[in-house]
PDB file of N, CA and C in Angstrom:
ATOM      1  N   UNK A   1     245.986 215.738 182.229  1.00  0.00           N
ATOM      2  CA  UNK A   1     247.314 215.563 181.696  1.00  0.00           C
ATOM      3  C   UNK A   1     248.198 214.768 182.647  1.00  0.00           C
ATOM      4  N   UNK A   2     247.590 213.927 183.485  1.00  0.00           N
ATOM      5  CA  UNK A   2     248.355 213.112 184.420  1.00  0.00           C
ATOM      6  C   UNK A   2     248.077 211.637 184.178  1.00  0.00           C
ATOM      7  N   UNK A   3     248.965 210.820 184.646  1.00  0.00           N
ATOM      8  CA  UNK A   3     248.788 209.379 184.565  1.00  0.00           C
ATOM      9  C   UNK A   3     247.761 208.924 185.601  1.00  0.00           C
ATOM     10  N   UNK A   4     246.982 207.912 185.265  1.00  0.00           N
ATOM     11  CA  UNK A   4     246.040 207.321 186.226  1.00  0.00           C
ATOM     12  C   UNK A   4     246.730 206.293 187.124  1.00  0.00           C
ATOM     13  N   UNK A   5     247.943 205.948 186.806  1.00  0.00           N
ATOM     14  CA  UNK A   5     248.632 204.832 187.451  1.00  0.00           C
ATOM     15  C   UNK A   5     248.689 204.914 188.978  1.00  0.00           C
ATOM     16  N   UNK A   6     248.987 206.066 189.536  1.00  0.00           N
ATOM     17  CA  UNK A   6     249.156 206.178 190.991  1.00  0.00           C
ATOM     18  C   UNK A   6     248.064 206.984 191.680  1.00  0.00           C
ATOM     19  N   UNK A   7     246.970 207.229 190.988  1.00  0.00           N
ATOM     20  CA  UNK A   7     245.876 208.020 191.560  1.00  0.00           C
ATOM     21  C   UNK A   7     244.840 207.094 192.189  1.00  0.00           C
ATOM     22  N   UNK A   8     244.394 207.433 193.391  1.00  0.00           N
ATOM     23  CA  UNK A   8     243.352 206.654 194.067  1.00  0.00           C
ATOM     24  C   UNK A   8     242.069 207.465 194.233  1.00  0.00           C
ATOM     25  N   UNK A   9     242.211 208.791 194.366  1.00  0.00           N
ATOM     26  CA  UNK A   9     241.061 209.693 194.511  1.00  0.00           C
ATOM     27  C   UNK A   9     241.337 210.977 193.741  1.00  0.00           C
ATOM     28  N   UNK A  10     240.267 211.555 193.205  1.00  0.00           N
ATOM     29  CA  UNK A  10     240.335 212.856 192.549  1.00  0.00           C
ATOM     30  C   UNK A  10     239.286 213.738 193.214  1.00  0.00           C
ATOM     31  N   UNK A  11     239.686 214.920 193.643  1.00  0.00           N
ATOM     32  CA  UNK A  11     238.748 215.891 194.202  1.00  0.00           C
ATOM     33  C   UNK A  11     238.585 216.997 193.169  1.00  0.00           C
ATOM     34  N   UNK A  12     237.340 217.275 192.805  1.00  0.00           N
ATOM     35  CA  UNK A  12     237.068 218.354 191.861  1.00  0.00           C
ATOM     36  C   UNK A  12     235.993 219.245 192.465  1.00  0.00           C
ATOM     37  N   UNK A  13     235.821 220.430 191.942  1.00  0.00           N
ATOM     38  CA  UNK A  13     234.798 221.334 192.467  1.00  0.00           C
ATOM     39  C   UNK A  13     233.416 220.876 192.022  1.00  0.00           C
ATOM     40  N   UNK A  14     233.230 220.661 190.724  1.00  0.00           N
ATOM     41  CA  UNK A  14     231.926 220.304 190.189  1.00  0.00           C
ATOM     42  C   UNK A  14     232.134 219.635 188.833  1.00  0.00           C
ATOM     43  N   UNK A  15     231.115 218.962 188.327  1.00  0.00           N
ATOM     44  CA  UNK A  15     231.190 218.335 187.015  1.00  0.00           C
ATOM     45  C   UNK A  15     230.554 219.238 185.970  1.00  0.00           C
ATOM     46  N   UNK A  16     231.027 219.131 184.749  1.00  0.00           N
ATOM     47  CA  UNK A  16     230.380 219.835 183.650  1.00  0.00           C
ATOM     48  C   UNK A  16     229.110 219.085 183.270  1.00  0.00           C
ATOM     49  N   UNK A  17     228.227 219.745 182.562  1.00  0.00           N
ATOM     50  CA  UNK A  17     226.984 219.109 182.127  1.00  0.00           C
ATOM     51  C   UNK A  17     227.221 217.976 181.140  1.00  0.00           C
ATOM     52  N   UNK A  18     228.382 217.942 180.501  1.00  0.00           N
ATOM     53  CA  UNK A  18     228.666 216.907 179.511  1.00  0.00           C
ATOM     54  C   UNK A  18     229.222 215.628 180.130  1.00  0.00           C
ATOM     55  N   UNK A  19     229.578 215.655 181.395  1.00  0.00           N
ATOM     56  CA  UNK A  19     230.139 214.479 182.047  1.00  0.00           C
ATOM     57  C   UNK A  19     229.008 213.595 182.562  1.00  0.00           C
ATOM     58  N   UNK A  20     228.785 212.497 181.898  1.00  0.00           N
ATOM     59  CA  UNK A  20     227.704 211.571 182.223  1.00  0.00           C
ATOM     60  C   UNK A  20     228.275 210.183 182.492  1.00  0.00           C
ATOM     61  N   UNK A  21     227.472 209.330 183.106  1.00  0.00           N
ATOM     62  CA  UNK A  21     227.862 207.945 183.341  1.00  0.00           C
ATOM     63  C   UNK A  21     228.261 207.304 182.017  1.00  0.00           C
ATOM     64  N   UNK A  22     229.450 206.740 181.961  1.00  0.00           N
ATOM     65  CA  UNK A  22     229.942 206.101 180.745  1.00  0.00           C
ATOM     66  C   UNK A  22     230.847 206.968 179.895  1.00  0.00           C
ATOM     67  N   UNK A  23     231.004 208.260 180.243  1.00  0.00           N
ATOM     68  CA  UNK A  23     231.891 209.144 179.495  1.00  0.00           C
ATOM     69  C   UNK A  23     233.328 208.625 179.602  1.00  0.00           C
ATOM     70  N   UNK A  24     234.019 208.541 178.486  1.00  0.00           N
ATOM     71  CA  UNK A  24     235.404 208.058 178.479  1.00  0.00           C
ATOM     72  C   UNK A  24     236.342 209.222 178.779  1.00  0.00           C
ATOM     73  N   UNK A  25     237.238 208.992 179.742  1.00  0.00           N
ATOM     74  CA  UNK A  25     238.246 209.971 180.150  1.00  0.00           C
ATOM     75  C   UNK A  25     239.610 209.420 179.718  1.00  0.00           C
ATOM     76  N   UNK A  26     240.368 210.205 179.013  1.00  0.00           N
ATOM     77  CA  UNK A  26     241.675 209.766 178.530  1.00  0.00           C
ATOM     78  C   UNK A  26     242.789 210.489 179.267  1.00  0.00           C
ATOM     79  N   UNK A  27     243.873 209.780 179.464  1.00  0.00           N
ATOM     80  CA  UNK A  27     245.073 210.362 180.063  1.00  0.00           C
ATOM     81  C   UNK A  27     246.057 210.666 178.939  1.00  0.00           C
ATOM     82  N   UNK A  28     246.636 211.836 178.970  1.00  0.00           N
ATOM     83  CA  UNK A  28     247.639 212.168 177.958  1.00  0.00           C
ATOM     84  C   UNK A  28     248.966 211.463 178.240  1.00  0.00           C
ATOM     85  N   UNK A  29     249.050 210.804 179.390  1.00  0.00           N
ATOM     86  CA  UNK A  29     250.278 210.092 179.749  1.00  0.00           C
ATOM     87  C   UNK A  29     250.316 208.694 179.130  1.00  0.00           C
ATOM     88  N   UNK A  30     249.286 208.323 178.362  1.00  0.00           N
ATOM     89  CA  UNK A  30     249.303 207.034 177.680  1.00  0.00           C
ATOM     90  C   UNK A  30     248.712 205.890 178.477  1.00  0.00           C
ATOM     91  N   UNK A  31     248.072 206.181 179.603  1.00  0.00           N
ATOM     92  CA  UNK A  31     247.427 205.130 180.387  1.00  0.00           C
ATOM     93  C   UNK A  31     246.186 204.619 179.668  1.00  0.00           C
ATOM     94  N   UNK A  32     245.636 203.568 180.217  1.00  0.00           N
ATOM     95  CA  UNK A  32     244.365 203.054 179.728  1.00  0.00           C
ATOM     96  C   UNK A  32     243.278 204.102 179.938  1.00  0.00           C
ATOM     97  N   UNK A  33     242.420 204.259 178.945  1.00  0.00           N
ATOM     98  CA  UNK A  33     241.281 205.156 179.115  1.00  0.00           C
ATOM     99  C   UNK A  33     240.408 204.645 180.252  1.00  0.00           C
ATOM    100  N   UNK A  34     239.759 205.551 180.934  1.00  0.00           N
ATOM    101  CA  UNK A  34     238.848 205.197 182.026  1.00  0.00           C
ATOM    102  C   UNK A  34     237.454 205.690 181.707  1.00  0.00           C
ATOM    103  N   UNK A  35     236.448 204.981 182.212  1.00  0.00           N
ATOM    104  CA  UNK A  35     235.068 205.424 182.070  1.00  0.00           C
ATOM    105  C   UNK A  35     234.612 206.049 183.373  1.00  0.00           C
ATOM    106  N   UNK A  36     233.999 207.227 183.258  1.00  0.00           N
ATOM    107  CA  UNK A  36     233.396 207.874 184.414  1.00  0.00           C
ATOM    108  C   UNK A  36     232.114 207.116 184.722  1.00  0.00           C
ATOM    109  N   UNK A  37     231.958 206.662 185.964  1.00  0.00           N
ATOM    110  CA  UNK A  37     230.794 205.873 186.354  1.00  0.00           C
ATOM    111  C   UNK A  37     230.092 206.534 187.528  1.00  0.00           C
ATOM    112  N   UNK A  38     228.776 206.372 187.561  1.00  0.00           N
ATOM    113  CA  UNK A  38     227.953 206.862 188.664  1.00  0.00           C
ATOM    114  C   UNK A  38     227.109 205.686 189.136  1.00  0.00           C
ATOM    115  N   UNK A  39     227.218 205.331 190.398  1.00  0.00           N
ATOM    116  CA  UNK A  39     226.436 204.245 190.982  1.00  0.00           C
ATOM    117  C   UNK A  39     225.837 204.717 192.297  1.00  0.00           C
ATOM    118  N   UNK A  40     224.727 204.122 192.667  1.00  0.00           N
ATOM    119  CA  UNK A  40     224.132 204.391 193.979  1.00  0.00           C
ATOM    120  C   UNK A  40     224.809 203.473 194.998  1.00  0.00           C
ATOM    121  N   UNK A  41     225.192 204.057 196.115  1.00  0.00           N
ATOM    122  CA  UNK A  41     225.859 203.299 197.184  1.00  0.00           C
ATOM    123  C   UNK A  41     225.384 203.886 198.503  1.00  0.00           C
ATOM    124  N   UNK A  42     224.710 203.084 199.298  1.00  0.00           N
ATOM    125  CA  UNK A  42     224.151 203.547 200.570  1.00  0.00           C
ATOM    126  C   UNK A  42     223.235 204.754 200.385  1.00  0.00           C
ATOM    127  N   UNK A  43     222.472 204.744 199.293  1.00  0.00           N
ATOM    128  CA  UNK A  43     221.525 205.815 199.029  1.00  0.00           C
ATOM    129  C   UNK A  43     222.125 207.111 198.509  1.00  0.00           C
ATOM    130  N   UNK A  44     223.406 207.096 198.170  1.00  0.00           N
ATOM    131  CA  UNK A  44     224.086 208.303 197.681  1.00  0.00           C
ATOM    132  C   UNK A  44     224.806 207.974 196.380  1.00  0.00           C
ATOM    133  N   UNK A  45     225.030 208.993 195.562  1.00  0.00           N
ATOM    134  CA  UNK A  45     225.796 208.795 194.334  1.00  0.00           C
ATOM    135  C   UNK A  45     227.257 208.532 194.668  1.00  0.00           C
ATOM    136  N   UNK A  46     227.829 207.559 194.003  1.00  0.00           N
ATOM    137  CA  UNK A  46     229.243 207.241 194.121  1.00  0.00           C
ATOM    138  C   UNK A  46     229.840 207.410 192.735  1.00  0.00           C
ATOM    139  N   UNK A  47     230.838 208.270 192.616  1.00  0.00           N
ATOM    140  CA  UNK A  47     231.464 208.581 191.344  1.00  0.00           C
ATOM    141  C   UNK A  47     232.856 207.969 191.312  1.00  0.00           C
ATOM    142  N   UNK A  48     233.211 207.372 190.178  1.00  0.00           N
ATOM    143  CA  UNK A  48     234.546 206.795 190.062  1.00  0.00           C
ATOM    144  C   UNK A  48     234.935 206.631 188.601  1.00  0.00           C
ATOM    145  N   UNK A  49     236.230 206.436 188.371  1.00  0.00           N
ATOM    146  CA  UNK A  49     236.767 206.122 187.057  1.00  0.00           C
ATOM    147  C   UNK A  49     237.157 204.658 187.058  1.00  0.00           C
ATOM    148  N   UNK A  50     236.761 203.939 186.017  1.00  0.00           N
ATOM    149  CA  UNK A  50     237.004 202.505 185.960  1.00  0.00           C
ATOM    150  C   UNK A  50     237.474 202.101 184.569  1.00  0.00           C
ATOM    151  N   UNK A  51     238.148 200.977 184.507  1.00  0.00           N
ATOM    152  CA  UNK A  51     238.570 200.384 183.236  1.00  0.00           C
ATOM    153  C   UNK A  51     238.560 198.874 183.413  1.00  0.00           C
ATOM    154  N   UNK A  52     238.313 198.157 182.337  1.00  0.00           N
ATOM    155  CA  UNK A  52     238.247 196.698 182.405  1.00  0.00           C
ATOM    156  C   UNK A  52     239.526 196.084 182.943  1.00  0.00           C
ATOM    157  N   UNK A  53     240.664 196.630 182.534  1.00  0.00           N
ATOM    158  CA  UNK A  53     241.941 196.051 182.947  1.00  0.00           C
ATOM    159  C   UNK A  53     242.540 196.723 184.187  1.00  0.00           C
ATOM    160  N   UNK A  54     241.768 197.574 184.859  1.00  0.00           N
ATOM    161  CA  UNK A  54     242.278 198.278 186.041  1.00  0.00           C
ATOM    162  C   UNK A  54     241.905 197.510 187.300  1.00  0.00           C
ATOM    163  N   UNK A  55     242.850 197.346 188.187  1.00  0.00           N
ATOM    164  CA  UNK A  55     242.573 196.651 189.441  1.00  0.00           C
ATOM    165  C   UNK A  55     241.980 197.584 190.496  1.00  0.00           C
ATOM    166  N   UNK A  56     242.114 198.895 190.298  1.00  0.00           N
ATOM    167  CA  UNK A  56     241.635 199.875 191.277  1.00  0.00           C
ATOM    168  C   UNK A  56     240.724 200.889 190.598  1.00  0.00           C
ATOM    169  N   UNK A  57     239.584 201.123 191.207  1.00  0.00           N
ATOM    170  CA  UNK A  57     238.689 202.182 190.766  1.00  0.00           C
ATOM    171  C   UNK A  57     239.172 203.490 191.394  1.00  0.00           C
ATOM    172  N   UNK A  58     239.179 204.559 190.622  1.00  0.00           N
ATOM    173  CA  UNK A  58     239.623 205.858 191.111  1.00  0.00           C
ATOM    174  C   UNK A  58     238.391 206.633 191.561  1.00  0.00           C
ATOM    175  N   UNK A  59     238.287 206.900 192.854  1.00  0.00           N
ATOM    176  CA  UNK A  59     237.161 207.643 193.389  1.00  0.00           C
ATOM    177  C   UNK A  59     237.199 209.099 192.952  1.00  0.00           C
ATOM    178  N   UNK A  60     236.025 209.656 192.634  1.00  0.00           N
ATOM    179  CA  UNK A  60     235.922 211.061 192.239  1.00  0.00           C
ATOM    180  C   UNK A  60     234.998 211.748 193.237  1.00  0.00           C
ATOM    181  N   UNK A  61     235.501 212.776 193.899  1.00  0.00           N
ATOM    182  CA  UNK A  61     234.743 213.486 194.926  1.00  0.00           C
ATOM    183  C   UNK A  61     234.390 214.877 194.414  1.00  0.00           C
ATOM    184  N   UNK A  62     233.093 215.136 194.157  1.00  0.00           N
ATOM    185  CA  UNK A  62     232.676 216.481 193.753  1.00  0.00           C
ATOM    186  C   UNK A  62     232.494 217.343 195.005  1.00  0.00           C
ATOM    187  N   UNK A  63     233.417 218.221 195.256  1.00  0.00           N
ATOM    188  CA  UNK A  63     233.451 218.992 196.495  1.00  0.00           C
ATOM    189  C   UNK A  63     232.197 219.840 196.695  1.00  0.00           C
ATOM    190  N   UNK A  64     231.712 220.475 195.645  1.00  0.00           N
ATOM    191  CA  UNK A  64     230.523 221.317 195.764  1.00  0.00           C
ATOM    192  C   UNK A  64     229.321 220.489 196.242  1.00  0.00           C
ATOM    193  N   UNK A  65     229.115 219.338 195.636  1.00  0.00           N
ATOM    194  CA  UNK A  65     228.010 218.457 196.033  1.00  0.00           C
ATOM    195  C   UNK A  65     228.171 217.991 197.477  1.00  0.00           C
ATOM    196  N   UNK A  66     229.390 217.653 197.872  1.00  0.00           N
ATOM    197  CA  UNK A  66     229.649 217.218 199.239  1.00  0.00           C
ATOM    198  C   UNK A  66     229.302 218.308 200.247  1.00  0.00           C
ATOM    199  N   UNK A  67     229.726 219.534 199.960  1.00  0.00           N
ATOM    200  CA  UNK A  67     229.459 220.653 200.874  1.00  0.00           C
ATOM    201  C   UNK A  67     227.962 220.883 201.029  1.00  0.00           C
ATOM    202  N   UNK A  68     227.228 220.845 199.926  1.00  0.00           N
ATOM    203  CA  UNK A  68     225.793 221.094 199.962  1.00  0.00           C
ATOM    204  C   UNK A  68     225.030 219.940 200.607  1.00  0.00           C
ATOM    205  N   UNK A  69     225.274 218.717 200.139  1.00  0.00           N
ATOM    206  CA  UNK A  69     224.476 217.574 200.602  1.00  0.00           C
ATOM    207  C   UNK A  69     224.926 217.010 201.942  1.00  0.00           C
ATOM    208  N   UNK A  70     226.220 216.894 202.155  1.00  0.00           N
ATOM    209  CA  UNK A  70     226.715 216.263 203.375  1.00  0.00           C
ATOM    210  C   UNK A  70     226.856 217.247 204.537  1.00  0.00           C
ATOM    211  N   UNK A  71     227.252 218.476 204.238  1.00  0.00           N
ATOM    212  CA  UNK A  71     227.469 219.450 205.299  1.00  0.00           C
ATOM    213  C   UNK A  71     226.285 220.398 205.474  1.00  0.00           C
ATOM    214  N   UNK A  72     225.374 220.415 204.477  1.00  0.00           N
ATOM    215  CA  UNK A  72     224.191 221.262 204.558  1.00  0.00           C
ATOM    216  C   UNK A  72     224.492 222.742 204.473  1.00  0.00           C
ATOM    217  N   UNK A  73     225.572 223.082 203.781  1.00  0.00           N
ATOM    218  CA  UNK A  73     225.969 224.485 203.647  1.00  0.00           C
ATOM    219  C   UNK A  73     225.531 224.992 202.282  1.00  0.00           C
ATOM    220  N   UNK A  74     224.844 226.123 202.268  1.00  0.00           N
ATOM    221  CA  UNK A  74     224.414 226.738 201.018  1.00  0.00           C
ATOM    222  C   UNK A  74     225.587 227.495 200.418  1.00  0.00           C
ATOM    223  N   UNK A  75     225.786 227.309 199.132  1.00  0.00           N
ATOM    224  CA  UNK A  75     226.861 228.003 198.438  1.00  0.00           C
ATOM    225  C   UNK A  75     226.234 229.065 197.553  1.00  0.00           C
ATOM    226  N   UNK A  76     226.588 230.296 197.818  1.00  0.00           N
ATOM    227  CA  UNK A  76     226.057 231.402 197.024  1.00  0.00           C
ATOM    228  C   UNK A  76     227.060 231.783 195.957  1.00  0.00           C
ATOM    229  N   UNK A  77     226.564 232.066 194.765  1.00  0.00           N
ATOM    230  CA  UNK A  77     227.459 232.510 193.702  1.00  0.00           C
ATOM    231  C   UNK A  77     227.826 233.962 193.959  1.00  0.00           C
ATOM    232  N   UNK A  78     228.890 234.402 193.335  1.00  0.00           N
ATOM    233  CA  UNK A  78     229.321 235.776 193.517  1.00  0.00           C
ATOM    234  C   UNK A  78     228.356 236.753 192.879  1.00  0.00           C
ATOM    235  N   UNK A  79     227.453 236.270 192.038  1.00  0.00           N
ATOM    236  CA  UNK A  79     226.446 237.123 191.409  1.00  0.00           C
ATOM    237  C   UNK A  79     225.413 237.598 192.410  1.00  0.00           C
ATOM    238  N   UNK A  80     225.311 236.922 193.566  1.00  0.00           N
ATOM    239  CA  UNK A  80     224.297 237.245 194.583  1.00  0.00           C
ATOM    240  C   UNK A  80     224.792 238.250 195.606  1.00  0.00           C
ATOM    241  N   UNK A  81     225.637 239.177 195.243  1.00  0.00           N
ATOM    242  CA  UNK A  81     226.179 240.112 196.239  1.00  0.00           C
ATOM    243  C   UNK A  81     225.214 241.192 196.620  1.00  0.00           C
TER     244      UNK A  81
END
């Protein structure tokens, strides 16, 4: 429910199973729709939102993936108590 106009990065916990490369993301603020993209960059997934008429790609950082892959920390669910 925010405008894409002034956003450069988005940090989220994790992606839903329905979010795939090419999924269209809409802003309720009336901005141009963006496509969620996944590309390989330096051997790692790079996630971003892009649009044909956008001069800036909006980086998307999945925090859970970063913690597991980059920091090597295992995340246990609360079900494992």
